PDB file of N, CA and C in Angstrom:
ATOM      1  N   ASN A   1      33.460  -2.918  19.737  1.00  0.00           N
ATOM      2  CA  ASN A   1      33.283  -1.953  20.432  1.00  0.00           C
ATOM      3  C   ASN A   1      31.639  -1.628  20.406  1.00  0.00           C
ATOM      4  N   ARG A   2      31.404  -1.963  21.540  1.00  0.00           N
ATOM      5  CA  ARG A   2      29.837  -1.933  21.550  1.00  0.00           C
ATOM      6  C   ARG A   2      28.969  -0.625  21.403  1.00  0.00           C
ATOM      7  N   THR A   3      29.830   0.464  21.392  1.00  0.00           N
ATOM      8  CA  THR A   3      29.071   1.780  21.595  1.00  0.00           C
ATOM      9  C   THR A   3      28.961   2.096  20.203  1.00  0.00           C
ATOM     10  N   ARG A   4      29.616   1.255  18.806  1.00  0.00           N
ATOM     11  CA  ARG A   4      29.452   1.756  17.790  1.00  0.00           C
ATOM     12  C   ARG A   4      27.897   1.478  16.873  1.00  0.00           C
ATOM     13  N   ASN A   5      27.540   2.495  16.290  1.00  0.00           N
ATOM     14  CA  ASN A   5      26.316   2.453  15.622  1.00  0.00           C
ATOM     15  C   ASN A   5      26.544   1.185  14.393  1.00  0.00           C
ATOM     16  N   TYR A   6      25.441   0.796  14.396  1.00  0.00           N
ATOM     17  CA  TYR A   6      25.331  -0.367  13.155  1.00  0.00           C
ATOM     18  C   TYR A   6      25.521   0.401  12.150  1.00  0.00           C
ATOM     19  N   SER A   7      25.441   1.343  11.519  1.00  0.00           N
ATOM     20  CA  SER A   7      25.059   1.745  10.193  1.00  0.00           C
ATOM     21  C   SER A   7      26.940   2.211  10.144  1.00  0.00           C
ATOM     22  N   GLU A   8      27.680   2.484  10.988  1.00  0.00           N
ATOM     23  CA  GLU A   8      29.014   2.764  11.363  1.00  0.00           C
ATOM     24  C   GLU A   8      29.704   1.336  10.941  1.00  0.00           C
ATOM     25  N   VAL A   9      29.372   0.412  11.270  1.00  0.00           N
ATOM     26  CA  VAL A   9      29.997  -0.986  10.930  1.00  0.00           C
ATOM     27  C   VAL A   9      29.463  -1.855   9.671  1.00  0.00           C
ATOM     28  N   TYR A  10      28.170  -1.490   9.351  1.00  0.00           N
ATOM     29  CA  TYR A  10      27.617  -2.290   8.022  1.00  0.00           C
ATOM     30  C   TYR A  10      27.153  -1.250   6.978  1.00  0.00           C
ATOM     31  N   GLY A  11      27.177   0.095   7.202  1.00  0.00           N
ATOM     32  CA  GLY A  11      26.623   1.113   6.190  1.00  0.00           C
ATOM     33  C   GLY A  11      25.144   1.097   6.263  1.00  0.00           C
ATOM     34  N   THR A  12      24.738   1.985   5.737  1.00  0.00           N
ATOM     35  CA  THR A  12      23.123   2.326   5.956  1.00  0.00           C
ATOM     36  C   THR A  12      22.276   1.834   4.970  1.00  0.00           C
ATOM     37  N   PHE A  13      21.207   1.317   5.152  1.00  0.00           N
ATOM     38  CA  PHE A  13      20.634   1.053   4.022  1.00  0.00           C
ATOM     39  C   PHE A  13      18.911   1.144   4.705  1.00  0.00           C
ATOM     40  N   PRO A  14      18.261   1.522   3.184  1.00  0.00           N
ATOM     41  CA  PRO A  14      16.824   2.032   3.679  1.00  0.00           C
ATOM     42  C   PRO A  14      15.987   0.726   4.486  1.00  0.00           C
ATOM     43  N   ALA A  15      15.127   1.689   5.546  1.00  0.00           N
ATOM     44  CA  ALA A  15      14.258   0.563   6.053  1.00  0.00           C
ATOM     45  C   ALA A  15      13.159   0.282   5.094  1.00  0.00           C
ATOM     46  N   ALA A  16      12.287  -1.036   5.701  1.00  0.00           N
ATOM     47  CA  ALA A  16      11.683  -1.578   4.581  1.00  0.00           C
ATOM     48  C   ALA A  16      10.050  -1.779   5.236  1.00  0.00           C
ATOM     49  N   ASN A  17       9.343  -1.597   4.389  1.00  0.00           N
ATOM     50  CA  ASN A  17       7.621  -1.659   5.234  1.00  0.00           C
ATOM     51  C   ASN A  17       7.374  -2.695   4.148  1.00  0.00           C
ATOM     52  N   ILE A  18       7.083  -3.947   5.187  1.00  0.00           N
ATOM     53  CA  ILE A  18       6.501  -5.087   3.853  1.00  0.00           C
ATOM     54  C   ILE A  18       4.928  -5.649   4.718  1.00  0.00           C
ATOM     55  N   THR A  19       4.458  -5.587   3.726  1.00  0.00           N
ATOM     56  CA  THR A  19       2.654  -5.847   3.862  1.00  0.00           C
ATOM     57  C   THR A  19       2.496  -6.940   2.971  1.00  0.00           C
ATOM     58  N   GLU A  20       1.126  -7.705   3.711  1.00  0.00           N
ATOM     59  CA  GLU A  20       0.948  -8.929   3.062  1.00  0.00           C
ATOM     60  C   GLU A  20      -0.607  -8.785   2.776  1.00  0.00           C
ATOM     61  N   THR A  21      -1.287  -9.001   1.196  1.00  0.00           N
ATOM     62  CA  THR A  21      -2.871  -8.705   1.109  1.00  0.00           C
ATOM     63  C   THR A  21      -3.289 -10.303   1.032  1.00  0.00           C
ATOM     64  N   GLU A  22      -4.503 -10.522   0.635  1.00  0.00           N
ATOM     65  CA  GLU A  22      -4.767 -11.705   0.173  1.00  0.00           C
ATOM     66  C   GLU A  22      -4.167 -12.133  -1.552  1.00  0.00           C
ATOM     67  N   ASN A  23      -3.701 -11.201  -2.011  1.00  0.00           N
ATOM     68  CA  ASN A  23      -2.882 -11.872  -3.098  1.00  0.00           C
ATOM     69  C   ASN A  23      -1.768 -11.668  -3.651  1.00  0.00           C
ATOM     70  N   GLU A  24      -1.056 -10.530  -2.373  1.00  0.00           N
ATOM     71  CA  GLU A  24       0.375 -10.195  -2.790  1.00  0.00           C
ATOM     72  C   GLU A  24       1.166 -10.069  -1.463  1.00  0.00           C
ATOM     73  N   PHE A  25       2.550  -9.965  -1.787  1.00  0.00           N
ATOM     74  CA  PHE A  25       3.348  -9.143  -0.759  1.00  0.00           C
ATOM     75  C   PHE A  25       3.696  -8.033  -1.392  1.00  0.00           C
ATOM     76  N   LEU A  26       4.115  -6.950  -0.619  1.00  0.00           N
ATOM     77  CA  LEU A  26       4.558  -5.470  -0.936  1.00  0.00           C
ATOM     78  C   LEU A  26       5.323  -4.926  -0.135  1.00  0.00           C
ATOM     79  N   ILE A  27       6.694  -4.578  -0.911  1.00  0.00           N
ATOM     80  CA  ILE A  27       7.896  -4.168   0.156  1.00  0.00           C
ATOM     81  C   ILE A  27       7.809  -2.950  -0.579  1.00  0.00           C
ATOM     82  N   GLU A  28       7.881  -1.903   0.662  1.00  0.00           N
ATOM     83  CA  GLU A  28       7.997  -0.363   0.181  1.00  0.00           C
ATOM     84  C   GLU A  28       9.539   0.425   0.923  1.00  0.00           C
ATOM     85  N   LEU A  29      10.268   1.038   0.091  1.00  0.00           N
ATOM     86  CA  LEU A  29      11.698   1.464   0.449  1.00  0.00           C
ATOM     87  C   LEU A  29      11.595   2.912   0.204  1.00  0.00           C
ATOM     88  N   ALA A  30      12.020   3.815   1.199  1.00  0.00           N
ATOM     89  CA  ALA A  30      11.917   5.445   0.886  1.00  0.00           C
ATOM     90  C   ALA A  30      13.683   5.462   0.913  1.00  0.00           C
ATOM     91  N   ILE A  31      13.763   5.899  -0.450  1.00  0.00           N
ATOM     92  CA  ILE A  31      14.692   6.296  -0.960  1.00  0.00           C
ATOM     93  C   ILE A  31      14.755   7.596  -1.869  1.00  0.00           C
ATOM     94  N   PRO A  32      14.804   8.553  -1.240  1.00  0.00           N
ATOM     95  CA  PRO A  32      14.448   9.903  -2.210  1.00  0.00           C
ATOM     96  C   PRO A  32      15.820   9.996  -2.984  1.00  0.00           C
ATOM     97  N   GLY A  33      15.817  11.093  -4.044  1.00  0.00           N
ATOM     98  CA  GLY A  33      16.783  11.604  -4.645  1.00  0.00           C
ATOM     99  C   GLY A  33      17.277  10.695  -5.544  1.00  0.00           C
ATOM    100  N   LYS A  34      16.769   9.421  -5.928  1.00  0.00           N
ATOM    101  CA  LYS A  34      17.290   8.508  -6.972  1.00  0.00           C
ATOM    102  C   LYS A  34      16.398   8.571  -8.148  1.00  0.00           C
ATOM    103  N   LYS A  35      16.846   8.055  -9.601  1.00  0.00           N
ATOM    104  CA  LYS A  35      16.212   7.849 -10.477  1.00  0.00           C
ATOM    105  C   LYS A  35      15.798   6.083 -10.394  1.00  0.00           C
ATOM    106  N   LYS A  36      14.852   5.723 -11.377  1.00  0.00           N
ATOM    107  CA  LYS A  36      14.588   4.523 -11.601  1.00  0.00           C
ATOM    108  C   LYS A  36      15.681   3.627 -11.764  1.00  0.00           C
ATOM    109  N   GLU A  37      16.384   4.099 -12.992  1.00  0.00           N
ATOM    110  CA  GLU A  37      17.421   3.515 -13.232  1.00  0.00           C
ATOM    111  C   GLU A  37      18.829   3.223 -12.515  1.00  0.00           C
ATOM    112  N   ASP A  38      18.761   3.635 -11.492  1.00  0.00           N
ATOM    113  CA  ASP A  38      19.713   3.580 -10.192  1.00  0.00           C
ATOM    114  C   ASP A  38      19.552   2.347  -9.378  1.00  0.00           C
ATOM    115  N   PHE A  39      18.394   1.451  -9.636  1.00  0.00           N
ATOM    116  CA  PHE A  39      18.425   0.350  -8.853  1.00  0.00           C
ATOM    117  C   PHE A  39      18.254  -1.029  -9.816  1.00  0.00           C
ATOM    118  N   SER A  40      18.843  -1.955  -8.909  1.00  0.00           N
ATOM    119  CA  SER A  40      18.856  -3.139  -9.619  1.00  0.00           C
ATOM    120  C   SER A  40      17.924  -4.339  -8.628  1.00  0.00           C
ATOM    121  N   VAL A  41      16.801  -4.742  -8.896  1.00  0.00           N
ATOM    122  CA  VAL A  41      15.815  -5.436  -8.347  1.00  0.00           C
ATOM    123  C   VAL A  41      16.310  -7.138  -9.055  1.00  0.00           C
ATOM    124  N   GLU A  42      16.829  -8.084  -8.200  1.00  0.00           N
ATOM    125  CA  GLU A  42      17.115  -9.594  -8.475  1.00  0.00           C
ATOM    126  C   GLU A  42      16.547 -10.858  -8.067  1.00  0.00           C
ATOM    127  N   VAL A  43      15.998 -11.621  -8.441  1.00  0.00           N
ATOM    128  CA  VAL A  43      15.556 -12.918  -7.692  1.00  0.00           C
ATOM    129  C   VAL A  43      16.536 -13.907  -8.220  1.00  0.00           C
ATOM    130  N   LYS A  44      17.067 -14.537  -7.424  1.00  0.00           N
ATOM    131  CA  LYS A  44      17.785 -15.732  -7.309  1.00  0.00           C
ATOM    132  C   LYS A  44      17.426 -17.014  -6.267  1.00  0.00           C
ATOM    133  N   GLU A  45      17.025 -18.120  -6.797  1.00  0.00           N
ATOM    134  CA  GLU A  45      16.994 -19.172  -5.794  1.00  0.00           C
ATOM    135  C   GLU A  45      16.137 -18.582  -4.652  1.00  0.00           C
ATOM    136  N   ASN A  46      14.843 -17.910  -4.854  1.00  0.00           N
ATOM    137  CA  ASN A  46      14.047 -17.561  -3.721  1.00  0.00           C
ATOM    138  C   ASN A  46      14.672 -16.368  -2.867  1.00  0.00           C
ATOM    139  N   LEU A  47      15.689 -15.739  -3.282  1.00  0.00           N
ATOM    140  CA  LEU A  47      15.942 -14.844  -2.562  1.00  0.00           C
ATOM    141  C   LEU A  47      15.966 -13.082  -3.621  1.00  0.00           C
ATOM    142  N   LEU A  48      15.025 -12.229  -3.085  1.00  0.00           N
ATOM    143  CA  LEU A  48      15.036 -11.033  -3.252  1.00  0.00           C
ATOM    144  C   LEU A  48      16.024 -10.225  -3.083  1.00  0.00           C
ATOM    145  N   THR A  49      16.840  -9.683  -4.023  1.00  0.00           N
ATOM    146  CA  THR A  49      17.766  -8.646  -4.039  1.00  0.00           C
ATOM    147  C   THR A  49      17.605  -7.081  -4.581  1.00  0.00           C
ATOM    148  N   ILE A  50      17.605  -6.219  -3.823  1.00  0.00           N
ATOM    149  CA  ILE A  50      17.451  -4.914  -3.876  1.00  0.00           C
ATOM    150  C   ILE A  50      18.607  -4.254  -3.671  1.00  0.00           C
ATOM    151  N   SER A  51      19.008  -3.316  -4.894  1.00  0.00           N
ATOM    152  CA  SER A  51      20.287  -2.585  -4.497  1.00  0.00           C
ATOM    153  C   SER A  51      20.622  -1.110  -5.506  1.00  0.00           C
ATOM    154  N   SER A  52      21.474  -0.464  -4.849  1.00  0.00           N
ATOM    155  CA  SER A  52      21.587   0.850  -5.738  1.00  0.00           C
ATOM    156  C   SER A  52      23.207   1.056  -5.411  1.00  0.00           C
ATOM    157  N   GLU A  53      23.469   1.693  -6.219  1.00  0.00           N
ATOM    158  CA  GLU A  53      24.965   2.342  -6.194  1.00  0.00           C
ATOM    159  C   GLU A  53      24.983   3.629  -7.193  1.00  0.00           C
ATOM    160  N   SER A  54      25.240   4.789  -6.288  1.00  0.00           N
ATOM    161  CA  SER A  54      25.488   6.032  -6.941  1.00  0.00           C
ATOM    162  C   SER A  54      26.901   6.804  -6.687  1.00  0.00           C
ATOM    163  N   LYS A  55      27.580   7.542  -7.637  1.00  0.00           N
ATOM    164  CA  LYS A  55      28.810   8.272  -7.411  1.00  0.00           C
ATOM    165  C   LYS A  55      28.370   9.353  -8.310  1.00  0.00           C
ATOM    166  N   THR A  56      28.860  10.335  -7.404  1.00  0.00           N
ATOM    167  CA  THR A  56      28.724  11.714  -7.826  1.00  0.00           C
ATOM    168  C   THR A  56      29.999  12.743  -7.620  1.00  0.00           C
ATOM    169  N   ASN A  57      30.439  13.405  -8.697  1.00  0.00           N
ATOM    170  CA  ASN A  57      31.707  14.065  -8.545  1.00  0.00           C
ATOM    171  C   ASN A  57      31.225  15.525  -9.029  1.00  0.00           C
ATOM    172  N   LYS A  58      31.929  16.471  -7.835  1.00  0.00           N
ATOM    173  CA  LYS A  58      31.798  18.057  -8.254  1.00  0.00           C
ATOM    174  C   LYS A  58      33.130  18.479  -8.303  1.00  0.00           C
ATOM    175  N   GLU A  59      33.300  19.532  -9.316  1.00  0.00           N
ATOM    176  CA  GLU A  59      34.465  20.249  -9.217  1.00  0.00           C
ATOM    177  C   GLU A  59      34.264  21.580  -9.525  1.00  0.00           C
ATOM    178  N   GLU A  60      35.111  22.737  -8.593  1.00  0.00           N
ATOM    179  CA  GLU A  60      34.798  23.928  -9.060  1.00  0.00           C
ATOM    180  C   GLU A  60      36.079  24.469  -9.035  1.00  0.00           C
ATOM    181  N   THR A  61      36.424  25.636  -9.810  1.00  0.00           N
ATOM    182  CA  THR A  61      37.442  26.224 -10.167  1.00  0.00           C
ATOM    183  C   THR A  61      37.304  27.577  -9.618  1.00  0.00           C
ATOM    184  N   GLU A  62      37.846  28.198  -8.694  1.00  0.00           N
ATOM    185  CA  GLU A  62      37.733  29.792  -8.361  1.00  0.00           C
ATOM    186  C   GLU A  62      39.335  30.082  -8.308  1.00  0.00           C
ATOM    187  N   LYS A  63      39.078  31.109  -8.677  1.00  0.00           N
ATOM    188  CA  LYS A  63      40.609  32.153  -8.630  1.00  0.00           C
ATOM    189  C   LYS A  63      41.605  31.327  -8.669  1.00  0.00           C
ATOM    190  N   SER A  64      42.499  30.839  -7.601  1.00  0.00           N
ATOM    191  CA  SER A  64      43.673  30.200  -7.194  1.00  0.00           C
ATOM    192  C   SER A  64      43.423  28.910  -6.792  1.00  0.00           C
ATOM    193  N   PHE A  65      42.264  28.419  -7.005  1.00  0.00           N
ATOM    194  CA  PHE A  65      42.138  26.793  -6.039  1.00  0.00           C
ATOM    195  C   PHE A  65      41.283  26.109  -6.413  1.00  0.00           C
ATOM    196  N   THR A  66      41.394  24.900  -6.785  1.00  0.00           N
ATOM    197  CA  THR A  66      40.401  24.019  -6.971  1.00  0.00           C
ATOM    198  C   THR A  66      39.876  22.992  -5.894  1.00  0.00           C
ATOM    199  N   ARG A  67      38.542  23.149  -6.160  1.00  0.00           N
ATOM    200  CA  ARG A  67      37.882  22.171  -5.119  1.00  0.00           C
ATOM    201  C   ARG A  67      37.246  21.235  -5.882  1.00  0.00           C
ATOM    202  N   LYS A  68      37.259  19.579  -5.396  1.00  0.00           N
ATOM    203  CA  LYS A  68      36.829  18.826  -6.128  1.00  0.00           C
ATOM    204  C   LYS A  68      36.257  18.037  -4.950  1.00  0.00           C
ATOM    205  N   GLU A  69      34.774  17.726  -4.890  1.00  0.00           N
ATOM    206  CA  GLU A  69      34.038  16.617  -3.937  1.00  0.00           C
ATOM    207  C   GLU A  69      33.417  15.458  -4.803  1.00  0.00           C
ATOM    208  N   PHE A  70      33.471  14.474  -3.978  1.00  0.00           N
ATOM    209  CA  PHE A  70      32.750  13.528  -4.441  1.00  0.00           C
ATOM    210  C   PHE A  70      32.049  12.750  -3.290  1.00  0.00           C
ATOM    211  N   ASN A  71      30.902  12.000  -3.883  1.00  0.00           N
ATOM    212  CA  ASN A  71      30.052  11.251  -2.983  1.00  0.00           C
ATOM    213  C   ASN A  71      30.000   9.721  -3.563  1.00  0.00           C
ATOM    214  N   TYR A  72      30.071   9.038  -2.800  1.00  0.00           N
ATOM    215  CA  TYR A  72      29.540   7.315  -3.040  1.00  0.00           C
ATOM    216  C   TYR A  72      28.369   6.892  -2.353  1.00  0.00           C
ATOM    217  N   GLU A  73      27.386   6.316  -2.516  1.00  0.00           N
ATOM    218  CA  GLU A  73      26.463   5.790  -1.717  1.00  0.00           C
ATOM    219  C   GLU A  73      25.872   4.365  -2.520  1.00  0.00           C
ATOM    220  N   SER A  74      25.799   3.495  -1.526  1.00  0.00           N
ATOM    221  CA  SER A  74      25.340   2.177  -1.901  1.00  0.00           C
ATOM    222  C   SER A  74      24.584   1.552  -0.908  1.00  0.00           C
ATOM    223  N   PHE A  75      23.755   0.430  -1.375  1.00  0.00           N
ATOM    224  CA  PHE A  75      23.190  -0.450  -0.450  1.00  0.00           C
ATOM    225  C   PHE A  75      22.786  -1.638  -1.107  1.00  0.00           C
ATOM    226  N   LYS A  76      22.752  -2.840  -0.319  1.00  0.00           N
ATOM    227  CA  LYS A  76      21.932  -3.717  -0.827  1.00  0.00           C
ATOM    228  C   LYS A  76      21.122  -4.309   0.410  1.00  0.00           C
ATOM    229  N   ARG A  77      19.945  -5.034   0.107  1.00  0.00           N
ATOM    230  CA  ARG A  77      18.977  -5.359   1.151  1.00  0.00           C
ATOM    231  C   ARG A  77      18.663  -6.917   0.241  1.00  0.00           C
ATOM    232  N   SER A  78      18.346  -7.984   0.934  1.00  0.00           N
ATOM    233  CA  SER A  78      17.832  -9.107   0.595  1.00  0.00           C
ATOM    234  C   SER A  78      16.899  -9.595   1.367  1.00  0.00           C
ATOM    235  N   PHE A  79      16.058 -10.287   0.786  1.00  0.00           N
ATOM    236  CA  PHE A  79      14.714 -10.597   1.415  1.00  0.00           C
ATOM    237  C   PHE A  79      14.638 -12.224   0.921  1.00  0.00           C
ATOM    238  N   LYS A  80      14.537 -13.369   1.669  1.00  0.00           N
ATOM    239  CA  LYS A  80      13.939 -14.541   1.314  1.00  0.00           C
ATOM    240  C   LYS A  80      12.673 -14.449   1.085  1.00  0.00           C
ATOM    241  N   LEU A  81      11.756 -14.922   0.085  1.00  0.00           N
ATOM    242  CA  LEU A  81      10.652 -15.116  -0.494  1.00  0.00           C
ATOM    243  C   LEU A  81       9.875 -16.388   0.100  1.00  0.00           C
ATOM    244  N   PRO A  82       8.905 -16.509   0.464  1.00  0.00           N
ATOM    245  CA  PRO A  82       8.431 -17.513   1.139  1.00  0.00           C
ATOM    246  C   PRO A  82       7.830 -18.372  -0.259  1.00  0.00           C
ATOM    247  N   ALA A  83       7.313 -19.750  -0.025  1.00  0.00           N
ATOM    248  CA  ALA A  83       7.293 -20.677  -0.864  1.00  0.00           C
ATOM    249  C   ALA A  83       5.998 -20.135  -1.925  1.00  0.00           C
ATOM    250  N   ILE A  84       5.078 -19.297  -1.171  1.00  0.00           N
ATOM    251  CA  ILE A  84       4.052 -19.034  -2.010  1.00  0.00           C
ATOM    252  C   ILE A  84       3.992 -17.949  -2.666  1.00  0.00           C
ATOM    253  N   ALA A  85       5.374 -17.399  -2.869  1.00  0.00           N
ATOM    254  CA  ALA A  85       5.591 -16.426  -3.738  1.00  0.00           C
ATOM    255  C   ALA A  85       5.718 -16.732  -5.080  1.00  0.00           C
ATOM    256  N   ASN A  86       5.175 -15.977  -5.985  1.00  0.00           N
ATOM    257  CA  ASN A  86       5.102 -16.154  -7.553  1.00  0.00           C
ATOM    258  C   ASN A  86       6.249 -15.322  -7.932  1.00  0.00           C
ATOM    259  N   SER A  87       7.646 -15.749  -8.065  1.00  0.00           N
ATOM    260  CA  SER A  87       8.668 -15.029  -8.165  1.00  0.00           C
ATOM    261  C   SER A  87       8.958 -14.633  -9.924  1.00  0.00           C
ATOM    262  N   GLU A  88       8.051 -15.433 -10.671  1.00  0.00           N
ATOM    263  CA  GLU A  88       8.088 -15.041 -12.047  1.00  0.00           C
ATOM    264  C   GLU A  88       7.289 -13.858 -12.494  1.00  0.00           C
ATOM    265  N   SER A  89       6.755 -13.180 -11.570  1.00  0.00           N
ATOM    266  CA  SER A  89       5.544 -12.003 -11.824  1.00  0.00           C
ATOM    267  C   SER A  89       6.148 -11.144 -11.001  1.00  0.00           C
ATOM    268  N   ILE A  90       7.189 -10.490 -10.499  1.00  0.00           N
ATOM    269  CA  ILE A  90       7.523  -9.688  -9.346  1.00  0.00           C
ATOM    270  C   ILE A  90       7.527  -8.451 -10.309  1.00  0.00           C
ATOM    271  N   GLY A  91       6.943  -7.286  -9.584  1.00  0.00           N
ATOM    272  CA  GLY A  91       6.999  -5.954 -10.425  1.00  0.00           C
ATOM    273  C   GLY A  91       7.287  -5.300  -9.363  1.00  0.00           C
ATOM    274  N   ALA A  92       8.262  -4.034  -9.794  1.00  0.00           N
ATOM    275  CA  ALA A  92       8.702  -2.812  -9.105  1.00  0.00           C
ATOM    276  C   ALA A  92       8.571  -1.400 -10.030  1.00  0.00           C
ATOM    277  N   SER A  93       8.161  -0.382  -9.002  1.00  0.00           N
ATOM    278  CA  SER A  93       8.124   0.967  -9.596  1.00  0.00           C
ATOM    279  C   SER A  93       8.735   1.800  -8.286  1.00  0.00           C
ATOM    280  N   TYR A  94       9.081   3.007  -9.024  1.00  0.00           N
ATOM    281  CA  TYR A  94       9.476   4.019  -7.972  1.00  0.00           C
ATOM    282  C   TYR A  94       8.965   5.233  -8.516  1.00  0.00           C
ATOM    283  N   PHE A  95       8.425   5.995  -7.388  1.00  0.00           N
ATOM    284  CA  PHE A  95       7.733   7.093  -7.599  1.00  0.00           C
ATOM    285  C   PHE A  95       7.667   8.131  -6.400  1.00  0.00           C
ATOM    286  N   GLU A  96       8.147   9.339  -6.409  1.00  0.00           N
ATOM    287  CA  GLU A  96       8.428  10.190  -5.426  1.00  0.00           C
ATOM    288  C   GLU A  96       9.126   9.541  -4.350  1.00  0.00           C
ATOM    289  N   GLY A  97      10.059   9.051  -4.738  1.00  0.00           N
ATOM    290  CA  GLY A  97      10.816   8.470  -3.406  1.00  0.00           C
ATOM    291  C   GLY A  97      10.965   7.552  -2.971  1.00  0.00           C
ATOM    292  N   ILE A  98       9.523   6.894  -3.279  1.00  0.00           N
ATOM    293  CA  ILE A  98       9.169   5.429  -3.081  1.00  0.00           C
ATOM    294  C   ILE A  98       9.680   4.388  -3.908  1.00  0.00           C
ATOM    295  N   LEU A  99      10.256   3.044  -3.446  1.00  0.00           N
ATOM    296  CA  LEU A  99      10.479   1.959  -4.476  1.00  0.00           C
ATOM    297  C   LEU A  99       9.757   1.087  -3.790  1.00  0.00           C
ATOM    298  N   LYS A 100       8.935   0.716  -4.875  1.00  0.00           N
ATOM    299  CA  LYS A 100       7.631  -0.577  -4.466  1.00  0.00           C
ATOM    300  C   LYS A 100       8.092  -1.698  -5.026  1.00  0.00           C
ATOM    301  N   ILE A 101       8.137  -2.465  -4.293  1.00  0.00           N
ATOM    302  CA  ILE A 101       8.169  -4.020  -4.760  1.00  0.00           C
ATOM    303  C   ILE A 101       6.998  -4.903  -4.940  1.00  0.00           C
ATOM    304  N   SER A 102       6.172  -5.531  -6.082  1.00  0.00           N
ATOM    305  CA  SER A 102       5.191  -6.222  -5.853  1.00  0.00           C
ATOM    306  C   SER A 102       5.455  -7.647  -6.139  1.00  0.00           C
ATOM    307  N   ILE A 103       5.092  -8.590  -4.992  1.00  0.00           N
ATOM    308  CA  ILE A 103       5.088  -9.665  -5.098  1.00  0.00           C
ATOM    309  C   ILE A 103       4.104 -10.567  -5.095  1.00  0.00           C
ATOM    310  N   PRO A 104       3.283 -11.043  -6.233  1.00  0.00           N
ATOM    311  CA  PRO A 104       2.374 -11.969  -6.080  1.00  0.00           C
ATOM    312  C   PRO A 104       2.415 -13.502  -5.604  1.00  0.00           C
ATOM    313  N   LYS A 105       1.300 -13.712  -4.902  1.00  0.00           N
ATOM    314  CA  LYS A 105       1.228 -15.028  -4.769  1.00  0.00           C
ATOM    315  C   LYS A 105       0.814 -16.374  -5.468  1.00  0.00           C
ATOM    316  N   LYS A 106       1.329 -17.251  -5.737  1.00  0.00           N
ATOM    317  CA  LYS A 106       1.028 -18.176  -6.479  1.00  0.00           C
ATOM    318  C   LYS A 106      -0.542 -18.568  -6.234  1.00  0.00           C
ATOM    319  N   VAL A 107      -1.066 -18.884  -7.391  1.00  0.00           N
ATOM    320  CA  VAL A 107      -2.576 -19.321  -7.230  1.00  0.00           C
ATOM    321  C   VAL A 107      -2.561 -20.830  -6.803  1.00  0.00           C
ATOM    322  N   ILE A 108      -2.922 -21.272  -5.666  1.00  0.00           N
ATOM    323  CA  ILE A 108      -3.305 -22.480  -5.095  1.00  0.00           C
ATOM    324  C   ILE A 108      -4.524 -22.989  -5.305  1.00  0.00           C
ATOM    325  N   GLN A 109      -4.696 -24.048  -6.001  1.00  0.00           N
ATOM    326  CA  GLN A 109      -5.852 -24.645  -6.508  1.00  0.00           C
ATOM    327  C   GLN A 109      -6.494 -25.234  -5.064  1.00  0.00           C
ATOM    328  N   LYS A 110      -7.670 -24.947  -4.811  1.00  0.00           N
ATOM    329  CA  LYS A 110      -7.932 -25.798  -3.630  1.00  0.00           C
ATOM    330  C   LYS A 110      -8.439 -27.221  -3.965  1.00  0.00           C
ATOM    331  N   ASP A 111      -8.301 -27.960  -2.994  1.00  0.00           N
ATOM    332  CA  ASP A 111      -8.137 -29.629  -2.999  1.00  0.00           C
ATOM    333  C   ASP A 111      -9.590 -29.942  -3.723  1.00  0.00           C
ATOM    334  N   ALA A 112      -9.647 -30.437  -4.794  1.00  0.00           N
ATOM    335  CA  ALA A 112     -10.845 -31.038  -5.654  1.00  0.00           C
ATOM    336  C   ALA A 112     -11.036 -32.474  -5.134  1.00  0.00           C
ATOM    337  N   VAL A 113     -12.667 -32.677  -4.999  1.00  0.00           N
ATOM    338  CA  VAL A 113     -12.752 -33.969  -4.628  1.00  0.00           C
ATOM    339  C   VAL A 113     -12.685 -34.930  -5.726  1.00  0.00           C
ATOM    340  N   LYS A 114     -11.679 -35.966  -5.727  1.00  0.00           N
ATOM    341  CA  LYS A 114     -11.683 -36.644  -6.801  1.00  0.00           C
ATOM    342  C   LYS A 114     -12.116 -38.329  -6.388  1.00  0.00           C
ATOM    343  N   SER A 115     -12.813 -38.779  -7.350  1.00  0.00           N
ATOM    344  CA  SER A 115     -13.370 -39.878  -7.072  1.00  0.00           C
ATOM    345  C   SER A 115     -12.539 -41.053  -7.744  1.00  0.00           C
ATOM    346  N   ILE A 116     -12.705 -42.040  -6.907  1.00  0.00           N
ATOM    347  CA  ILE A 116     -11.324 -43.225  -7.315  1.00  0.00           C
ATOM    348  C   ILE A 116     -12.505 -44.511  -7.653  1.00  0.00           C
ATOM    349  N   THR A 117     -12.140 -45.229  -8.714  1.00  0.00           N
ATOM    350  CA  THR A 117     -13.191 -46.289  -9.039  1.00  0.00           C
ATOM    351  C   THR A 117     -12.586 -47.502  -8.391  1.00  0.00           C
ATOM    352  N   VAL A 118     -12.951 -48.066  -7.460  1.00  0.00           N
ATOM    353  CA  VAL A 118     -12.533 -49.335  -7.234  1.00  0.00           C
ATOM    354  C   VAL A 118     -12.794 -50.501  -8.227  1.00  0.00           C
ATOM    355  N   LEU A 119     -11.790 -51.112  -8.263  1.00  0.00           N
ATOM    356  CA  LEU A 119     -11.424 -52.407  -9.442  1.00  0.00           C
ATOM    357  C   LEU A 119     -11.824 -53.607  -8.553  1.00  0.00           C
TER     358      LEU A 119
END
């Protein structure tokens, strides 16, 4: 059905801003209302995966009825890391609703001139 929204089919996940500087790649995701413990950030075979899962239950008892509400939220986003990414030194922080993933670049040695003695 072409009229269906992408989020109806695949669920919703936060949009990502990805920037590159001379020394690193930075991924920022706006995910308000979470705690840093709610996130999982993993790297496997040059694939960075960011995920979160949370469940909430609310139960109220009033006079002659009981109302129970629940909510389940989850997402998973994966990014293929470029060859120059240093996957051993990735850092993550969460502050004021923004999850930031810092991916340093590998230090690439400039080609040094090496003299070869002719025998």
